[in-house]
Amino acid sequence: MRRKKIVELAKTYNVPVVINDDVKLAEKLGVGVHLGQTDGSIGDALQSLSPHQIIGRTCMVM
């Protein structure tokens, strides 16, 4: 799979990988996830991911 090759290459160079909007894929690949405001809860992501996986969130102030 192309995704796994990208993750392996990034790990070789100590580059973090963050998947957009897909906690299950991030969990499967062992990478971080970015969640938009309507893409799921941080709490659910925290339960699914390990402590070393990045969780990002879109924050908008108007």
Protein backbone atom coordinates (compact mmCIF):
# COMPACT_ATOMS: atom_id res chain seq x y z
CA MET A 1 0.00 0.00 0.00
CA ARG A 2 1.14 3.49 -0.82
CA ARG A 3 0.09 4.84 2.60
CA LYS A 4 2.33 2.42 4.48
CA LYS A 5 5.29 3.28 2.25
CA ILE A 6 4.80 6.98 2.91
CA VAL A 7 4.60 6.39 6.68
CA GLU A 8 7.72 4.20 6.60
CA LEU A 9 9.64 6.83 4.62
CA ALA A 10 8.54 9.60 7.00
CA LYS A 11 9.62 7.55 10.04
CA THR A 12 13.04 7.01 8.45
CA TYR A 13 13.55 10.77 8.50
CA ASN A 14 11.73 11.44 11.81
CA VAL A 15 8.94 13.33 10.06
CA PRO A 16 5.52 13.18 11.74
CA VAL A 17 2.57 12.10 9.63
CA VAL A 18 -0.91 13.49 10.30
CA ILE A 19 -3.99 12.07 8.57
CA ASN A 20 -6.92 14.42 7.96
CA ASP A 21 -10.31 13.52 9.49
CA ASP A 22 -9.82 9.73 9.81
CA VAL A 23 -9.10 8.48 13.35
CA LYS A 24 -9.42 4.81 12.37
CA LEU A 25 -6.83 5.14 9.60
CA ALA A 26 -4.51 7.09 11.90
CA GLU A 27 -4.88 4.35 14.51
CA LYS A 28 -4.17 1.64 11.92
CA LEU A 29 -1.06 3.40 10.59
CA GLY A 30 0.19 4.60 13.99
CA VAL A 31 0.23 8.25 12.94
CA GLY A 32 -1.42 11.49 14.04
CA VAL A 33 -4.81 12.84 13.08
CA HIS A 34 -6.25 16.28 12.41
CA LEU A 35 -9.94 16.79 13.19
CA GLY A 36 -11.97 19.68 11.89
CA GLN A 37 -14.63 21.18 14.13
CA THR A 38 -17.27 18.72 12.92
CA ASP A 39 -15.07 15.67 12.29
CA GLY A 40 -15.33 13.89 15.62
CA SER A 41 -14.44 14.42 19.22
CA ILE A 42 -11.00 14.80 20.72
CA GLY A 43 -12.12 12.44 23.51
CA ASP A 44 -12.87 9.64 21.06
CA ALA A 45 -9.53 10.19 19.33
CA LEU A 46 -7.72 10.09 22.68
CA GLN A 47 -9.33 6.74 23.45
CA SER A 48 -8.38 5.28 20.06
CA LEU A 49 -4.84 6.59 19.65
CA SER A 50 -1.70 6.00 21.68
CA PRO A 51 -0.07 8.83 23.66
CA HIS A 52 2.66 9.40 21.03
CA GLN A 53 0.13 10.09 18.24
CA ILE A 54 -0.57 13.76 17.50
CA ILE A 55 -4.16 15.00 17.63
CA GLY A 56 -4.76 18.32 15.93
CA ARG A 57 -7.95 20.38 15.92
CA THR A 58 -9.15 23.26 13.77
CA CYS A 59 -9.76 26.32 15.94
CA MET A 60 -11.51 29.37 14.54
CA VAL A 61 -11.97 32.65 16.36
CA MET A 62 -14.18 35.27 14.76
